[in-house]
Amino acid sequence: MRKPREVRSTTVLLVRRDGHVAMGGDGQVTVGEAIIKHRARKIRRLYNGKILAGFAGATADAFALFSRFEAKLDEFRGNLSRAAVELAKDWRTDKSLRYLEALMIVADDKNAFLISGNGDLIEPDEGIVAIGSGSGYAQAAAQALMGYTKLSAKEIVNEAMQIASRICIYTNSEITLEEL
């Protein structure tokens, strides 16, 4: 079994609050020690805009996963839970997918999941989930903002991502935000 590499890639954060779901991702693309792009789009709307998906990891791998996940959504007529379970199973067992270096967060108006290549399919307890290099910073900031402010889900994502961008060298302040 191969040892998973440390992901030093980006930050993607999802927050659910008051019936709204917001997801944000920074725009930085880093290769080794160099920043090569500032405004990459790591968040996508899928299935007629009803589902949000974000990735952290190798870009080409993420595009392959987005494509595979979209096919699963079509196959299961937009059923996020079923599509996420099937993608996690495929990712773990398919020889070509097994070596992809990425993590995904997917969400609709009711559910959210973190999906990994190890077969992990995690539903957040408190409506907050983050992936990537700055995930700990963004998640901690979002938890504090949820507990001590009346900010909306979208505002929390934006503020928490700005905080993460000031701490994590692999995360910048060019934030893409989407909300359901």
N, C-alpha and C. Protein backbone atom coordinates (compact mmCIF):
# COMPACT_ATOMS: atom_id res chain seq x y z
N MET A 1 0.85 -1.18 0.00
CA MET A 1 0.00 0.00 0.00
C MET A 1 0.89 1.24 0.00
N ARG A 2 0.56 2.17 -0.86
CA ARG A 2 1.38 3.37 -0.94
C ARG A 2 1.05 4.32 0.19
N LYS A 3 2.07 5.06 0.60
CA LYS A 3 1.89 6.06 1.66
C LYS A 3 1.29 7.31 1.06
N PRO A 4 0.18 7.82 1.63
CA PRO A 4 -0.42 9.04 1.08
C PRO A 4 0.53 10.22 1.26
N ARG A 5 0.60 11.07 0.25
CA ARG A 5 1.46 12.24 0.36
C ARG A 5 0.71 13.34 1.10
N GLU A 6 1.49 14.21 1.71
CA GLU A 6 0.90 15.34 2.39
C GLU A 6 0.34 16.30 1.34
N VAL A 7 -0.92 16.66 1.49
CA VAL A 7 -1.55 17.56 0.54
C VAL A 7 -1.18 18.99 0.90
N ARG A 8 -0.50 19.66 -0.02
CA ARG A 8 -0.16 21.07 0.14
C ARG A 8 -0.68 21.75 -1.10
N SER A 9 -1.93 22.14 -1.04
CA SER A 9 -2.55 22.50 -2.30
C SER A 9 -3.41 23.74 -2.27
N THR A 10 -4.29 23.84 -1.36
CA THR A 10 -5.33 24.84 -1.44
C THR A 10 -6.16 24.79 -0.17
N THR A 11 -7.23 25.53 -0.15
CA THR A 11 -8.20 25.43 0.93
C THR A 11 -9.59 25.54 0.33
N VAL A 12 -10.45 24.61 0.73
CA VAL A 12 -11.87 24.65 0.37
C VAL A 12 -12.65 24.47 1.67
N LEU A 13 -13.66 25.31 1.85
CA LEU A 13 -14.45 25.31 3.08
C LEU A 13 -15.93 25.30 2.74
N LEU A 14 -16.69 24.48 3.47
CA LEU A 14 -18.15 24.45 3.33
C LEU A 14 -18.76 24.76 4.69
N VAL A 15 -19.78 25.62 4.69
CA VAL A 15 -20.53 25.96 5.90
C VAL A 15 -22.02 25.86 5.59
N ARG A 16 -22.75 25.23 6.50
CA ARG A 16 -24.21 25.15 6.42
C ARG A 16 -24.77 25.91 7.62
N ARG A 17 -25.66 26.90 7.31
CA ARG A 17 -26.26 27.68 8.38
C ARG A 17 -27.60 28.23 7.93
N ASP A 18 -28.60 28.12 8.80
CA ASP A 18 -29.92 28.70 8.57
C ASP A 18 -30.50 28.33 7.21
N GLY A 19 -30.35 27.07 6.82
CA GLY A 19 -30.92 26.60 5.57
C GLY A 19 -30.12 26.94 4.32
N HIS A 20 -28.96 27.53 4.47
CA HIS A 20 -28.11 27.89 3.35
C HIS A 20 -26.80 27.12 3.43
N VAL A 21 -26.26 26.79 2.27
CA VAL A 21 -24.97 26.11 2.17
C VAL A 21 -24.07 26.99 1.33
N ALA A 22 -22.88 27.28 1.85
CA ALA A 22 -21.90 28.07 1.11
C ALA A 22 -20.59 27.31 1.05
N MET A 23 -19.92 27.42 -0.09
CA MET A 23 -18.63 26.79 -0.28
C MET A 23 -17.69 27.82 -0.89
N GLY A 24 -16.48 27.83 -0.40
CA GLY A 24 -15.47 28.74 -0.94
C GLY A 24 -14.16 28.02 -1.13
N GLY A 25 -13.43 28.47 -2.13
CA GLY A 25 -12.10 27.93 -2.39
C GLY A 25 -11.18 29.04 -2.83
N ASP A 26 -9.93 28.94 -2.43
CA ASP A 26 -8.98 29.96 -2.86
C ASP A 26 -8.55 29.69 -4.29
N GLY A 27 -7.80 30.61 -4.87
CA GLY A 27 -7.44 30.50 -6.28
C GLY A 27 -6.00 30.14 -6.56
N GLN A 28 -5.21 29.88 -5.54
CA GLN A 28 -3.78 29.67 -5.75
C GLN A 28 -3.46 28.28 -6.27
N VAL A 29 -2.60 28.22 -7.27
CA VAL A 29 -2.05 26.96 -7.76
C VAL A 29 -0.55 27.01 -7.51
N THR A 30 -0.06 26.02 -6.78
CA THR A 30 1.34 25.97 -6.41
C THR A 30 1.97 24.71 -6.99
N VAL A 31 3.14 24.87 -7.60
CA VAL A 31 3.92 23.73 -8.05
C VAL A 31 5.25 23.81 -7.32
N GLY A 32 5.48 22.85 -6.44
CA GLY A 32 6.68 22.90 -5.61
C GLY A 32 6.65 24.13 -4.74
N GLU A 33 7.65 24.97 -4.88
CA GLU A 33 7.76 26.18 -4.08
C GLU A 33 7.23 27.42 -4.80
N ALA A 34 6.74 27.26 -6.03
CA ALA A 34 6.35 28.41 -6.85
C ALA A 34 4.84 28.52 -7.00
N ILE A 35 4.33 29.74 -6.92
CA ILE A 35 2.93 30.02 -7.22
C ILE A 35 2.85 30.28 -8.71
N ILE A 36 2.02 29.50 -9.42
CA ILE A 36 1.95 29.68 -10.87
C ILE A 36 0.61 30.23 -11.35
N LYS A 37 -0.37 30.30 -10.46
CA LYS A 37 -1.67 30.86 -10.83
C LYS A 37 -2.34 31.39 -9.57
N HIS A 38 -3.07 32.50 -9.73
CA HIS A 38 -3.70 33.14 -8.58
C HIS A 38 -5.22 33.00 -8.54
N ARG A 39 -5.85 32.72 -9.67
CA ARG A 39 -7.32 32.73 -9.74
C ARG A 39 -7.91 31.44 -10.31
N ALA A 40 -7.40 30.30 -9.88
CA ALA A 40 -7.97 29.02 -10.32
C ALA A 40 -9.35 28.86 -9.67
N ARG A 41 -10.22 28.18 -10.36
CA ARG A 41 -11.58 27.94 -9.86
C ARG A 41 -11.68 26.50 -9.39
N LYS A 42 -11.75 26.30 -8.08
CA LYS A 42 -11.72 24.97 -7.49
C LYS A 42 -13.09 24.53 -6.96
N ILE A 43 -14.08 25.38 -7.19
CA ILE A 43 -15.46 25.11 -6.80
C ILE A 43 -16.29 25.03 -8.07
N ARG A 44 -17.17 24.04 -8.15
CA ARG A 44 -18.03 23.89 -9.32
C ARG A 44 -19.48 23.68 -8.89
N ARG A 45 -20.39 24.18 -9.72
CA ARG A 45 -21.82 23.86 -9.58
C ARG A 45 -22.08 22.71 -10.55
N LEU A 46 -22.72 21.67 -10.05
CA LEU A 46 -23.01 20.51 -10.87
C LEU A 46 -24.50 20.21 -10.85
N TYR A 47 -24.92 19.35 -11.72
CA TYR A 47 -26.30 18.86 -11.81
C TYR A 47 -27.30 20.02 -11.79
N ASN A 48 -27.24 20.81 -12.86
CA ASN A 48 -28.13 21.96 -13.04
C ASN A 48 -28.04 22.97 -11.90
N GLY A 49 -26.85 23.12 -11.35
CA GLY A 49 -26.62 24.11 -10.30
C GLY A 49 -27.12 23.72 -8.93
N LYS A 50 -27.58 22.48 -8.74
CA LYS A 50 -28.16 22.05 -7.47
C LYS A 50 -27.14 21.46 -6.50
N ILE A 51 -25.93 21.19 -7.00
CA ILE A 51 -24.90 20.56 -6.18
C ILE A 51 -23.61 21.35 -6.31
N LEU A 52 -22.95 21.54 -5.17
CA LEU A 52 -21.65 22.19 -5.14
C LEU A 52 -20.58 21.14 -4.93
N ALA A 53 -19.45 21.30 -5.62
CA ALA A 53 -18.32 20.39 -5.44
C ALA A 53 -17.04 21.21 -5.43
N GLY A 54 -16.15 20.88 -4.52
CA GLY A 54 -14.87 21.56 -4.43
C GLY A 54 -13.78 20.53 -4.26
N PHE A 55 -12.56 20.85 -4.71
CA PHE A 55 -11.46 19.91 -4.61
C PHE A 55 -10.21 20.57 -4.08
N ALA A 56 -9.37 19.73 -3.50
CA ALA A 56 -8.01 20.11 -3.12
C ALA A 56 -7.12 18.97 -3.58
N GLY A 57 -6.03 19.32 -4.23
CA GLY A 57 -5.10 18.30 -4.69
C GLY A 57 -4.63 18.59 -6.08
N ALA A 58 -4.12 17.56 -6.72
CA ALA A 58 -3.59 17.69 -8.08
C ALA A 58 -4.72 18.07 -9.04
N THR A 59 -4.50 19.09 -9.82
CA THR A 59 -5.55 19.65 -10.67
C THR A 59 -6.08 18.67 -11.70
N ALA A 60 -5.21 17.99 -12.39
CA ALA A 60 -5.67 17.03 -13.41
C ALA A 60 -6.49 15.92 -12.76
N ASP A 61 -6.08 15.49 -11.58
CA ASP A 61 -6.83 14.46 -10.86
C ASP A 61 -8.20 14.97 -10.46
N ALA A 62 -8.27 16.22 -10.05
CA ALA A 62 -9.55 16.80 -9.66
C ALA A 62 -10.51 16.86 -10.84
N PHE A 63 -10.00 17.23 -12.02
CA PHE A 63 -10.87 17.27 -13.20
C PHE A 63 -11.41 15.88 -13.52
N ALA A 64 -10.57 14.87 -13.38
CA ALA A 64 -11.02 13.49 -13.60
C ALA A 64 -12.11 13.11 -12.60
N LEU A 65 -11.94 13.54 -11.35
CA LEU A 65 -12.94 13.23 -10.33
C LEU A 65 -14.24 13.99 -10.55
N PHE A 66 -14.15 15.27 -10.93
CA PHE A 66 -15.36 16.02 -11.25
C PHE A 66 -16.15 15.32 -12.34
N SER A 67 -15.46 14.90 -13.37
CA SER A 67 -16.11 14.23 -14.50
C SER A 67 -16.77 12.93 -14.04
N ARG A 68 -16.06 12.14 -13.25
CA ARG A 68 -16.60 10.88 -12.76
C ARG A 68 -17.79 11.13 -11.84
N PHE A 69 -17.69 12.16 -10.98
CA PHE A 69 -18.78 12.47 -10.06
C PHE A 69 -20.01 12.96 -10.82
N GLU A 70 -19.81 13.79 -11.83
CA GLU A 70 -20.94 14.24 -12.66
C GLU A 70 -21.66 13.06 -13.30
N ALA A 71 -20.90 12.08 -13.77
CA ALA A 71 -21.51 10.89 -14.36
C ALA A 71 -22.32 10.12 -13.32
N LYS A 72 -21.82 10.05 -12.11
CA LYS A 72 -22.56 9.37 -11.03
C LYS A 72 -23.85 10.14 -10.70
N LEU A 73 -23.77 11.47 -10.67
CA LEU A 73 -24.98 12.26 -10.42
C LEU A 73 -26.03 12.02 -11.50
N ASP A 74 -25.59 11.96 -12.75
CA ASP A 74 -26.52 11.68 -13.84
C ASP A 74 -27.11 10.28 -13.69
N GLU A 75 -26.25 9.31 -13.38
CA GLU A 75 -26.70 7.93 -13.23
C GLU A 75 -27.74 7.78 -12.13
N PHE A 76 -27.57 8.52 -11.04
CA PHE A 76 -28.47 8.41 -9.90
C PHE A 76 -29.41 9.60 -9.78
N ARG A 77 -29.66 10.28 -10.91
CA ARG A 77 -30.62 11.37 -11.04
C ARG A 77 -30.52 12.43 -9.94
N GLY A 78 -29.27 12.85 -9.67
CA GLY A 78 -29.06 13.93 -8.72
C GLY A 78 -29.06 13.53 -7.26
N ASN A 79 -29.14 12.23 -6.97
CA ASN A 79 -29.12 11.76 -5.59
C ASN A 79 -27.68 11.87 -5.07
N LEU A 80 -27.40 12.93 -4.31
CA LEU A 80 -26.05 13.21 -3.86
C LEU A 80 -25.48 12.07 -3.03
N SER A 81 -26.24 11.56 -2.08
CA SER A 81 -25.75 10.51 -1.19
C SER A 81 -25.32 9.28 -1.99
N ARG A 82 -26.15 8.85 -2.87
CA ARG A 82 -25.85 7.65 -3.67
C ARG A 82 -24.65 7.89 -4.59
N ALA A 83 -24.61 9.04 -5.24
CA ALA A 83 -23.49 9.37 -6.14
C ALA A 83 -22.18 9.45 -5.35
N ALA A 84 -22.21 10.02 -4.16
CA ALA A 84 -21.01 10.13 -3.34
C ALA A 84 -20.51 8.76 -2.89
N VAL A 85 -21.43 7.90 -2.46
CA VAL A 85 -21.05 6.55 -2.04
C VAL A 85 -20.42 5.79 -3.21
N GLU A 86 -21.03 5.88 -4.37
CA GLU A 86 -20.51 5.15 -5.53
C GLU A 86 -19.16 5.70 -5.99
N LEU A 87 -18.98 7.02 -5.93
CA LEU A 87 -17.68 7.59 -6.28
C LEU A 87 -16.61 7.13 -5.30
N ALA A 88 -16.92 7.14 -4.00
CA ALA A 88 -15.95 6.70 -2.99
C ALA A 88 -15.57 5.24 -3.23
N LYS A 89 -16.55 4.39 -3.55
CA LYS A 89 -16.25 2.98 -3.83
C LYS A 89 -15.36 2.84 -5.06
N ASP A 90 -15.72 3.55 -6.14
CA ASP A 90 -14.92 3.49 -7.36
C ASP A 90 -13.51 4.00 -7.12
N TRP A 91 -13.41 5.11 -6.41
CA TRP A 91 -12.12 5.74 -6.17
C TRP A 91 -11.19 4.79 -5.42
N ARG A 92 -11.75 4.03 -4.52
CA ARG A 92 -10.93 3.10 -3.73
C ARG A 92 -10.56 1.85 -4.50
N THR A 93 -11.44 1.38 -5.38
CA THR A 93 -11.23 0.08 -6.01
C THR A 93 -10.74 0.15 -7.46
N ASP A 94 -11.03 1.21 -8.19
CA ASP A 94 -10.65 1.31 -9.60
C ASP A 94 -9.15 1.58 -9.72
N LYS A 95 -8.45 0.77 -10.51
CA LYS A 95 -7.00 0.91 -10.62
C LYS A 95 -6.57 2.27 -11.14
N SER A 96 -7.31 2.85 -12.07
CA SER A 96 -6.90 4.15 -12.61
C SER A 96 -7.22 5.29 -11.64
N LEU A 97 -8.26 5.15 -10.83
CA LEU A 97 -8.62 6.20 -9.88
C LEU A 97 -7.82 6.12 -8.58
N ARG A 98 -7.38 4.94 -8.24
CA ARG A 98 -6.76 4.70 -6.94
C ARG A 98 -5.58 5.62 -6.65
N TYR A 99 -4.89 6.06 -7.68
CA TYR A 99 -3.69 6.86 -7.49
C TYR A 99 -3.93 8.37 -7.61
N LEU A 100 -5.17 8.77 -7.71
CA LEU A 100 -5.46 10.20 -7.81
C LEU A 100 -5.17 10.88 -6.47
N GLU A 101 -4.56 12.06 -6.56
CA GLU A 101 -4.15 12.81 -5.37
C GLU A 101 -5.09 14.00 -5.18
N ALA A 102 -6.21 13.79 -4.53
CA ALA A 102 -7.16 14.87 -4.32
C ALA A 102 -8.14 14.50 -3.20
N LEU A 103 -8.83 15.49 -2.71
CA LEU A 103 -9.95 15.33 -1.80
C LEU A 103 -11.09 16.15 -2.38
N MET A 104 -12.32 15.76 -2.09
CA MET A 104 -13.48 16.50 -2.57
C MET A 104 -14.45 16.76 -1.44
N ILE A 105 -15.12 17.91 -1.53
CA ILE A 105 -16.30 18.18 -0.71
C ILE A 105 -17.44 18.35 -1.69
N VAL A 106 -18.55 17.68 -1.43
CA VAL A 106 -19.74 17.81 -2.28
C VAL A 106 -20.93 18.09 -1.37
N ALA A 107 -21.89 18.89 -1.88
CA ALA A 107 -23.03 19.26 -1.05
C ALA A 107 -24.22 19.62 -1.90
N ASP A 108 -25.41 19.36 -1.35
CA ASP A 108 -26.65 19.88 -1.92
C ASP A 108 -27.35 20.63 -0.79
N ASP A 109 -28.62 20.91 -0.94
CA ASP A 109 -29.32 21.70 0.08
C ASP A 109 -29.58 20.92 1.37
N LYS A 110 -29.36 19.59 1.37
CA LYS A 110 -29.63 18.78 2.55
C LYS A 110 -28.41 18.08 3.13
N ASN A 111 -27.47 17.67 2.27
CA ASN A 111 -26.34 16.84 2.69
C ASN A 111 -25.02 17.44 2.24
N ALA A 112 -23.97 17.04 2.96
CA ALA A 112 -22.60 17.40 2.56
C ALA A 112 -21.69 16.24 2.92
N PHE A 113 -20.68 16.01 2.06
CA PHE A 113 -19.75 14.90 2.28
C PHE A 113 -18.33 15.32 1.90
N LEU A 114 -17.38 14.79 2.64
CA LEU A 114 -15.98 14.82 2.26
C LEU A 114 -15.69 13.44 1.69
N ILE A 115 -15.10 13.40 0.50
CA ILE A 115 -14.79 12.13 -0.16
C ILE A 115 -13.29 12.06 -0.39
N SER A 116 -12.70 10.90 -0.05
CA SER A 116 -11.26 10.71 -0.28
C SER A 116 -11.01 9.42 -1.05
N GLY A 117 -9.80 9.30 -1.56
CA GLY A 117 -9.39 8.12 -2.31
C GLY A 117 -9.18 6.89 -1.45
N ASN A 118 -9.19 7.07 -0.13
CA ASN A 118 -9.06 5.92 0.77
C ASN A 118 -10.41 5.24 0.99
N GLY A 119 -11.44 5.75 0.34
CA GLY A 119 -12.78 5.22 0.53
C GLY A 119 -13.54 5.94 1.62
N ASP A 120 -12.96 7.01 2.14
CA ASP A 120 -13.64 7.77 3.19
C ASP A 120 -14.80 8.55 2.59
N LEU A 121 -15.90 8.52 3.30
CA LEU A 121 -17.08 9.31 2.96
C LEU A 121 -17.59 9.84 4.29
N ILE A 122 -17.29 11.10 4.57
CA ILE A 122 -17.54 11.68 5.88
C ILE A 122 -18.57 12.78 5.76
N GLU A 123 -19.60 12.68 6.60
CA GLU A 123 -20.61 13.73 6.67
C GLU A 123 -20.32 14.57 7.91
N PRO A 124 -20.13 15.87 7.76
CA PRO A 124 -19.76 16.69 8.92
C PRO A 124 -20.86 16.75 9.97
N ASP A 125 -20.47 16.77 11.23
CA ASP A 125 -21.42 16.83 12.34
C ASP A 125 -22.06 18.19 12.50
N GLU A 126 -21.27 19.23 12.38
CA GLU A 126 -21.73 20.56 12.75
C GLU A 126 -21.90 21.51 11.57
N GLY A 127 -22.01 20.97 10.36
CA GLY A 127 -22.25 21.83 9.21
C GLY A 127 -21.03 22.55 8.69
N ILE A 128 -19.84 22.13 9.12
CA ILE A 128 -18.60 22.74 8.64
C ILE A 128 -17.65 21.63 8.24
N VAL A 129 -17.07 21.75 7.06
CA VAL A 129 -16.04 20.81 6.63
C VAL A 129 -15.06 21.56 5.73
N ALA A 130 -13.78 21.21 5.85
CA ALA A 130 -12.74 21.87 5.06
C ALA A 130 -11.71 20.84 4.62
N ILE A 131 -11.09 21.13 3.47
CA ILE A 131 -10.02 20.28 2.95
C ILE A 131 -8.87 21.14 2.46
N GLY A 132 -7.72 20.53 2.33
CA GLY A 132 -6.56 21.21 1.78
C GLY A 132 -5.62 21.72 2.86
N SER A 133 -4.58 22.38 2.41
CA SER A 133 -3.50 22.82 3.30
C SER A 133 -3.97 23.77 4.39
N GLY A 134 -4.85 24.66 4.07
CA GLY A 134 -5.33 25.63 5.05
C GLY A 134 -6.61 25.21 5.73
N SER A 135 -6.98 23.94 5.62
CA SER A 135 -8.28 23.49 6.13
C SER A 135 -8.41 23.67 7.64
N GLY A 136 -7.37 23.39 8.39
CA GLY A 136 -7.46 23.55 9.84
C GLY A 136 -7.71 24.99 10.25
N TYR A 137 -7.04 25.91 9.57
CA TYR A 137 -7.22 27.33 9.87
C TYR A 137 -8.63 27.79 9.49
N ALA A 138 -9.07 27.41 8.30
CA ALA A 138 -10.40 27.83 7.83
C ALA A 138 -11.50 27.22 8.69
N GLN A 139 -11.35 25.95 9.05
CA GLN A 139 -12.37 25.29 9.85
C GLN A 139 -12.43 25.90 11.25
N ALA A 140 -11.29 26.17 11.86
CA ALA A 140 -11.29 26.79 13.19
C ALA A 140 -11.93 28.17 13.15
N ALA A 141 -11.58 28.95 12.14
CA ALA A 141 -12.17 30.29 12.02
C ALA A 141 -13.68 30.19 11.82
N ALA A 142 -14.12 29.26 10.96
CA ALA A 142 -15.55 29.10 10.71
C ALA A 142 -16.29 28.67 11.97
N GLN A 143 -15.71 27.78 12.75
CA GLN A 143 -16.35 27.35 13.99
C GLN A 143 -16.50 28.52 14.96
N ALA A 144 -15.48 29.34 15.08
CA ALA A 144 -15.56 30.51 15.96
C ALA A 144 -16.62 31.48 15.47
N LEU A 145 -16.64 31.73 14.16
CA LEU A 145 -17.62 32.66 13.59
C LEU A 145 -19.05 32.12 13.75
N MET A 146 -19.23 30.81 13.61
CA MET A 146 -20.56 30.20 13.81
C MET A 146 -21.02 30.39 15.25
N GLY A 147 -20.11 30.23 16.18
CA GLY A 147 -20.47 30.29 17.59
C GLY A 147 -20.64 31.67 18.16
N TYR A 148 -20.02 32.67 17.54
CA TYR A 148 -19.99 33.98 18.17
C TYR A 148 -20.46 35.13 17.29
N THR A 149 -21.03 34.81 16.13
CA THR A 149 -21.56 35.86 15.27
C THR A 149 -22.90 35.42 14.69
N LYS A 150 -23.57 36.34 14.06
CA LYS A 150 -24.81 36.06 13.35
C LYS A 150 -24.59 36.09 11.84
N LEU A 151 -23.34 36.02 11.39
CA LEU A 151 -23.02 36.06 9.96
C LEU A 151 -23.71 34.92 9.22
N SER A 152 -24.02 35.15 7.95
CA SER A 152 -24.61 34.12 7.11
C SER A 152 -23.55 33.07 6.75
N ALA A 153 -23.98 31.96 6.21
CA ALA A 153 -23.05 30.91 5.77
C ALA A 153 -22.03 31.47 4.79
N LYS A 154 -22.49 32.25 3.82
CA LYS A 154 -21.59 32.82 2.81
C LYS A 154 -20.59 33.78 3.44
N GLU A 155 -21.06 34.61 4.37
CA GLU A 155 -20.16 35.55 5.04
C GLU A 155 -19.13 34.82 5.90
N ILE A 156 -19.55 33.76 6.56
CA ILE A 156 -18.62 32.97 7.37
C ILE A 156 -17.55 32.35 6.49
N VAL A 157 -17.96 31.76 5.37
CA VAL A 157 -16.97 31.16 4.46
C VAL A 157 -15.98 32.22 4.00
N ASN A 158 -16.47 33.37 3.58
CA ASN A 158 -15.57 34.42 3.09
C ASN A 158 -14.59 34.85 4.18
N GLU A 159 -15.08 35.14 5.38
CA GLU A 159 -14.21 35.60 6.46
C GLU A 159 -13.20 34.52 6.87
N ALA A 160 -13.67 33.29 7.01
CA ALA A 160 -12.78 32.20 7.41
C ALA A 160 -11.71 31.94 6.36
N MET A 161 -12.08 32.03 5.09
CA MET A 161 -11.11 31.83 4.01
C MET A 161 -10.08 32.97 4.00
N GLN A 162 -10.52 34.19 4.28
CA GLN A 162 -9.57 35.31 4.36
C GLN A 162 -8.57 35.09 5.50
N ILE A 163 -9.06 34.60 6.62
CA ILE A 163 -8.17 34.30 7.75
C ILE A 163 -7.17 33.22 7.35
N ALA A 164 -7.65 32.14 6.75
CA ALA A 164 -6.76 31.06 6.32
C ALA A 164 -5.71 31.56 5.33
N SER A 165 -6.10 32.48 4.45
CA SER A 165 -5.16 32.99 3.44
C SER A 165 -4.04 33.81 4.07
N ARG A 166 -4.27 34.35 5.25
CA ARG A 166 -3.23 35.12 5.93
C ARG A 166 -2.28 34.22 6.72
N ILE A 167 -2.65 32.95 6.88
CA ILE A 167 -1.84 32.03 7.69
C ILE A 167 -1.15 30.96 6.83
N CYS A 168 -1.89 30.38 5.89
CA CYS A 168 -1.39 29.26 5.08
C CYS A 168 -0.72 29.77 3.81
N ILE A 169 0.53 29.39 3.58
CA ILE A 169 1.24 29.86 2.39
C ILE A 169 0.74 29.24 1.10
N TYR A 170 -0.06 28.18 1.18
CA TYR A 170 -0.61 27.53 -0.02
C TYR A 170 -2.03 28.00 -0.31
N THR A 171 -2.49 29.03 0.39
CA THR A 171 -3.85 29.55 0.24
C THR A 171 -3.76 31.05 0.00
N ASN A 172 -4.49 31.54 -1.02
CA ASN A 172 -4.49 33.00 -1.25
C ASN A 172 -5.86 33.59 -0.99
N SER A 173 -5.98 34.89 -1.17
CA SER A 173 -7.23 35.59 -0.85
C SER A 173 -8.13 35.80 -2.06
N GLU A 174 -7.84 35.16 -3.17
CA GLU A 174 -8.70 35.20 -4.37
C GLU A 174 -9.76 34.10 -4.21
N ILE A 175 -10.81 34.39 -3.46
CA ILE A 175 -11.79 33.40 -3.06
C ILE A 175 -12.95 33.31 -4.05
N THR A 176 -13.28 32.09 -4.45
CA THR A 176 -14.49 31.82 -5.22
C THR A 176 -15.54 31.35 -4.23
N LEU A 177 -16.71 31.97 -4.24
CA LEU A 177 -17.80 31.60 -3.34
C LEU A 177 -19.02 31.16 -4.14
N GLU A 178 -19.66 30.10 -3.69
CA GLU A 178 -20.93 29.64 -4.25
C GLU A 178 -21.86 29.34 -3.09
N GLU A 179 -23.16 29.54 -3.34
CA GLU A 179 -24.15 29.32 -2.27
C GLU A 179 -25.38 28.64 -2.85
N LEU A 180 -25.94 27.74 -2.06
CA LEU A 180 -27.23 27.11 -2.39
C LEU A 180 -28.28 27.61 -1.41
